[in-house]
Amino acid sequence: MQEMAAIVRGKVQGVWFRGWTRETARDLGVTGWVRNLPDGAVEVLAQGSAEQLDRFEERLRLGPPLARVSAVESRRSPLGTPLPTFSVRR
């Protein structure tokens, strides 16, 4: 198990990105959270296997239909404290 921290940039706020990210994570069996940042980006913390996180990151690069993702900056590390679900943080 690994942990991935990511910042997603582009038109990613006001386009249902956080809700879509939660549903995508749950579909893939990934846990963690997503939240908006004051600069217009979205921050994601995801936990899962390397394969799950690879698929999750691929989907983050696409985003929901109304989003326009310009960049995804991510880094991986060993699993920290396991999270039980994937949630939207405010």
N, C-alpha and C. Protein backbone atom coordinates (compact mmCIF):
# COMPACT_ATOMS: atom_id res chain seq x y z
N MET A 1 0.84 -1.19 0.00
CA MET A 1 0.00 0.00 0.00
C MET A 1 0.88 1.24 0.00
N GLN A 2 0.38 2.25 -0.72
CA GLN A 2 1.10 3.51 -0.84
C GLN A 2 0.14 4.67 -0.59
N GLU A 3 0.73 5.84 -0.48
CA GLU A 3 -0.04 7.07 -0.33
C GLU A 3 0.41 8.03 -1.43
N MET A 4 -0.54 8.70 -2.05
CA MET A 4 -0.23 9.68 -3.09
C MET A 4 -0.82 11.03 -2.70
N ALA A 5 0.02 12.05 -2.70
CA ALA A 5 -0.44 13.42 -2.51
C ALA A 5 -0.38 14.10 -3.88
N ALA A 6 -1.44 14.78 -4.26
CA ALA A 6 -1.48 15.40 -5.58
C ALA A 6 -2.14 16.77 -5.52
N ILE A 7 -1.67 17.65 -6.39
CA ILE A 7 -2.30 18.95 -6.62
C ILE A 7 -2.75 18.94 -8.08
N VAL A 8 -4.04 19.21 -8.29
CA VAL A 8 -4.61 19.22 -9.64
C VAL A 8 -4.91 20.68 -9.99
N ARG A 9 -4.37 21.12 -11.12
CA ARG A 9 -4.54 22.51 -11.54
C ARG A 9 -5.33 22.59 -12.84
N GLY A 10 -5.91 23.75 -13.07
CA GLY A 10 -6.71 23.99 -14.25
C GLY A 10 -8.08 24.49 -13.83
N LYS A 11 -9.07 24.25 -14.68
CA LYS A 11 -10.46 24.59 -14.32
C LYS A 11 -11.01 23.40 -13.55
N VAL A 12 -10.77 23.40 -12.23
CA VAL A 12 -11.12 22.24 -11.40
C VAL A 12 -11.99 22.60 -10.20
N GLN A 13 -12.39 23.84 -10.09
CA GLN A 13 -13.33 24.21 -9.04
C GLN A 13 -14.62 24.70 -9.71
N GLY A 14 -15.75 24.36 -9.09
CA GLY A 14 -17.04 24.75 -9.65
C GLY A 14 -17.49 23.89 -10.80
N VAL A 15 -16.85 22.72 -10.96
CA VAL A 15 -17.20 21.81 -12.06
C VAL A 15 -17.45 20.39 -11.55
N TRP A 16 -17.77 20.25 -10.28
CA TRP A 16 -18.08 18.97 -9.63
C TRP A 16 -16.85 18.07 -9.53
N PHE A 17 -15.66 18.67 -9.48
CA PHE A 17 -14.43 17.88 -9.44
C PHE A 17 -14.30 17.08 -8.15
N ARG A 18 -14.62 17.68 -7.01
CA ARG A 18 -14.47 16.96 -5.73
C ARG A 18 -15.42 15.78 -5.64
N GLY A 19 -16.67 15.96 -6.00
CA GLY A 19 -17.63 14.85 -5.96
C GLY A 19 -17.26 13.75 -6.94
N TRP A 20 -16.83 14.13 -8.13
CA TRP A 20 -16.39 13.16 -9.12
C TRP A 20 -15.17 12.38 -8.62
N THR A 21 -14.24 13.09 -7.96
CA THR A 21 -13.04 12.45 -7.43
C THR A 21 -13.41 11.43 -6.36
N ARG A 22 -14.35 11.79 -5.48
CA ARG A 22 -14.80 10.86 -4.44
C ARG A 22 -15.41 9.61 -5.08
N GLU A 23 -16.28 9.78 -6.07
CA GLU A 23 -16.91 8.62 -6.72
C GLU A 23 -15.87 7.76 -7.45
N THR A 24 -14.92 8.41 -8.12
CA THR A 24 -13.88 7.68 -8.83
C THR A 24 -13.02 6.88 -7.86
N ALA A 25 -12.66 7.49 -6.76
CA ALA A 25 -11.86 6.80 -5.74
C ALA A 25 -12.61 5.59 -5.19
N ARG A 26 -13.86 5.77 -4.89
CA ARG A 26 -14.65 4.66 -4.35
C ARG A 26 -14.79 3.54 -5.37
N ASP A 27 -14.95 3.88 -6.65
CA ASP A 27 -15.03 2.86 -7.70
C ASP A 27 -13.75 2.04 -7.79
N LEU A 28 -12.61 2.68 -7.54
CA LEU A 28 -11.31 2.01 -7.63
C LEU A 28 -10.86 1.39 -6.32
N GLY A 29 -11.60 1.62 -5.23
CA GLY A 29 -11.21 1.08 -3.93
C GLY A 29 -10.11 1.88 -3.25
N VAL A 30 -9.99 3.16 -3.60
CA VAL A 30 -8.98 4.06 -3.04
C VAL A 30 -9.60 4.82 -1.87
N THR A 31 -8.83 5.02 -0.81
CA THR A 31 -9.30 5.82 0.32
C THR A 31 -8.52 7.14 0.36
N GLY A 32 -9.00 8.10 1.15
CA GLY A 32 -8.32 9.38 1.29
C GLY A 32 -9.28 10.53 1.34
N TRP A 33 -8.89 11.66 0.74
CA TRP A 33 -9.74 12.85 0.73
C TRP A 33 -9.36 13.79 -0.40
N VAL A 34 -10.26 14.75 -0.68
CA VAL A 34 -10.05 15.78 -1.69
C VAL A 34 -10.59 17.09 -1.13
N ARG A 35 -9.91 18.20 -1.47
CA ARG A 35 -10.39 19.52 -1.03
C ARG A 35 -9.94 20.60 -2.00
N ASN A 36 -10.71 21.69 -2.03
CA ASN A 36 -10.35 22.87 -2.82
C ASN A 36 -9.27 23.65 -2.09
N LEU A 37 -8.39 24.29 -2.86
CA LEU A 37 -7.38 25.17 -2.32
C LEU A 37 -7.72 26.61 -2.69
N PRO A 38 -7.28 27.58 -1.88
CA PRO A 38 -7.62 28.98 -2.15
C PRO A 38 -7.13 29.49 -3.51
N ASP A 39 -6.09 28.89 -4.08
CA ASP A 39 -5.55 29.37 -5.36
C ASP A 39 -6.29 28.81 -6.58
N GLY A 40 -7.37 28.04 -6.35
CA GLY A 40 -8.15 27.50 -7.46
C GLY A 40 -7.80 26.07 -7.82
N ALA A 41 -6.77 25.52 -7.20
CA ALA A 41 -6.38 24.13 -7.44
C ALA A 41 -7.17 23.21 -6.50
N VAL A 42 -7.00 21.92 -6.70
CA VAL A 42 -7.61 20.90 -5.84
C VAL A 42 -6.49 20.02 -5.29
N GLU A 43 -6.56 19.73 -3.99
CA GLU A 43 -5.58 18.87 -3.34
C GLU A 43 -6.21 17.51 -3.07
N VAL A 44 -5.44 16.45 -3.32
CA VAL A 44 -5.92 15.08 -3.14
C VAL A 44 -4.90 14.30 -2.33
N LEU A 45 -5.38 13.53 -1.37
CA LEU A 45 -4.56 12.54 -0.68
C LEU A 45 -5.26 11.20 -0.90
N ALA A 46 -4.54 10.25 -1.51
CA ALA A 46 -5.14 8.96 -1.85
C ALA A 46 -4.27 7.83 -1.34
N GLN A 47 -4.93 6.75 -0.90
CA GLN A 47 -4.23 5.57 -0.40
C GLN A 47 -4.74 4.34 -1.13
N GLY A 48 -3.80 3.48 -1.53
CA GLY A 48 -4.17 2.25 -2.21
C GLY A 48 -2.93 1.54 -2.71
N SER A 49 -3.14 0.50 -3.50
CA SER A 49 -2.01 -0.21 -4.10
C SER A 49 -1.42 0.66 -5.21
N ALA A 50 -0.21 0.32 -5.64
CA ALA A 50 0.42 1.07 -6.73
C ALA A 50 -0.47 1.06 -7.97
N GLU A 51 -1.06 -0.08 -8.27
CA GLU A 51 -1.93 -0.19 -9.44
C GLU A 51 -3.18 0.69 -9.29
N GLN A 52 -3.80 0.67 -8.12
CA GLN A 52 -4.98 1.50 -7.88
C GLN A 52 -4.63 2.98 -8.05
N LEU A 53 -3.49 3.38 -7.49
CA LEU A 53 -3.09 4.79 -7.56
C LEU A 53 -2.72 5.19 -8.98
N ASP A 54 -2.13 4.27 -9.75
CA ASP A 54 -1.84 4.56 -11.16
C ASP A 54 -3.13 4.86 -11.91
N ARG A 55 -4.14 4.02 -11.72
CA ARG A 55 -5.43 4.22 -12.41
C ARG A 55 -6.11 5.50 -11.93
N PHE A 56 -6.04 5.76 -10.63
CA PHE A 56 -6.65 6.95 -10.05
C PHE A 56 -5.99 8.21 -10.63
N GLU A 57 -4.66 8.22 -10.69
CA GLU A 57 -3.96 9.39 -11.22
C GLU A 57 -4.30 9.60 -12.70
N GLU A 58 -4.41 8.53 -13.46
CA GLU A 58 -4.82 8.66 -14.86
C GLU A 58 -6.17 9.35 -14.97
N ARG A 59 -7.08 8.97 -14.12
CA ARG A 59 -8.42 9.58 -14.16
C ARG A 59 -8.39 11.02 -13.69
N LEU A 60 -7.54 11.33 -12.68
CA LEU A 60 -7.42 12.72 -12.24
C LEU A 60 -6.96 13.61 -13.38
N ARG A 61 -6.11 13.10 -14.24
CA ARG A 61 -5.60 13.88 -15.37
C ARG A 61 -6.70 14.20 -16.38
N LEU A 62 -7.75 13.40 -16.40
CA LEU A 62 -8.89 13.65 -17.29
C LEU A 62 -9.95 14.51 -16.61
N GLY A 63 -10.31 14.17 -15.37
CA GLY A 63 -11.32 14.91 -14.64
C GLY A 63 -12.72 14.67 -15.17
N PRO A 64 -13.72 15.27 -14.53
CA PRO A 64 -15.10 15.16 -15.01
C PRO A 64 -15.29 15.98 -16.29
N PRO A 65 -16.42 15.79 -16.97
CA PRO A 65 -16.63 16.44 -18.27
C PRO A 65 -16.44 17.96 -18.31
N LEU A 66 -16.85 18.69 -17.28
CA LEU A 66 -16.75 20.15 -17.33
C LEU A 66 -15.38 20.68 -16.90
N ALA A 67 -14.53 19.84 -16.35
CA ALA A 67 -13.20 20.27 -15.90
C ALA A 67 -12.24 20.35 -17.07
N ARG A 68 -11.20 21.14 -16.89
CA ARG A 68 -10.10 21.24 -17.84
C ARG A 68 -8.81 21.15 -17.02
N VAL A 69 -8.29 19.96 -16.87
CA VAL A 69 -7.09 19.74 -16.07
C VAL A 69 -5.87 20.15 -16.89
N SER A 70 -5.06 21.06 -16.33
CA SER A 70 -3.84 21.49 -17.03
C SER A 70 -2.60 20.81 -16.47
N ALA A 71 -2.64 20.37 -15.21
CA ALA A 71 -1.47 19.72 -14.62
C ALA A 71 -1.88 18.93 -13.38
N VAL A 72 -1.17 17.83 -13.16
CA VAL A 72 -1.30 17.07 -11.92
C VAL A 72 0.12 16.87 -11.39
N GLU A 73 0.38 17.43 -10.22
CA GLU A 73 1.68 17.27 -9.57
C GLU A 73 1.46 16.26 -8.45
N SER A 74 2.16 15.13 -8.51
CA SER A 74 1.94 14.11 -7.49
C SER A 74 3.25 13.56 -6.97
N ARG A 75 3.18 13.03 -5.77
CA ARG A 75 4.31 12.33 -5.18
C ARG A 75 3.76 11.17 -4.37
N ARG A 76 4.53 10.11 -4.30
CA ARG A 76 4.10 8.93 -3.55
C ARG A 76 5.05 8.66 -2.40
N SER A 77 4.49 8.05 -1.38
CA SER A 77 5.28 7.70 -0.20
C SER A 77 4.69 6.44 0.41
N PRO A 78 5.39 5.85 1.37
CA PRO A 78 4.81 4.70 2.06
C PRO A 78 3.51 5.13 2.77
N LEU A 79 2.64 4.19 2.97
CA LEU A 79 1.34 4.46 3.59
C LEU A 79 1.52 5.05 4.98
N GLY A 80 0.85 6.16 5.23
CA GLY A 80 0.82 6.76 6.57
C GLY A 80 -0.29 6.10 7.37
N THR A 81 -1.02 6.88 8.11
CA THR A 81 -2.16 6.37 8.87
C THR A 81 -3.27 6.01 7.89
N PRO A 82 -3.70 4.75 7.88
CA PRO A 82 -4.75 4.34 6.93
C PRO A 82 -6.06 5.10 7.17
N LEU A 83 -6.68 5.51 6.09
CA LEU A 83 -7.98 6.19 6.16
C LEU A 83 -9.06 5.19 5.75
N PRO A 84 -10.22 5.22 6.41
CA PRO A 84 -11.24 4.19 6.17
C PRO A 84 -12.07 4.39 4.90
N THR A 85 -12.22 5.63 4.45
CA THR A 85 -13.07 5.92 3.29
C THR A 85 -12.42 7.02 2.46
N PHE A 86 -13.11 7.47 1.42
CA PHE A 86 -12.68 8.64 0.65
C PHE A 86 -13.72 9.73 0.88
N SER A 87 -13.27 10.90 1.30
CA SER A 87 -14.22 11.97 1.65
C SER A 87 -13.86 13.28 0.98
N VAL A 88 -14.85 14.17 0.95
CA VAL A 88 -14.66 15.54 0.47
C VAL A 88 -14.48 16.40 1.70
N ARG A 89 -13.37 17.12 1.74
CA ARG A 89 -13.11 18.05 2.84
C ARG A 89 -13.43 19.45 2.40
N ARG A 90 -13.88 20.25 3.32
CA ARG A 90 -14.23 21.65 3.00
C ARG A 90 -13.17 22.58 3.52
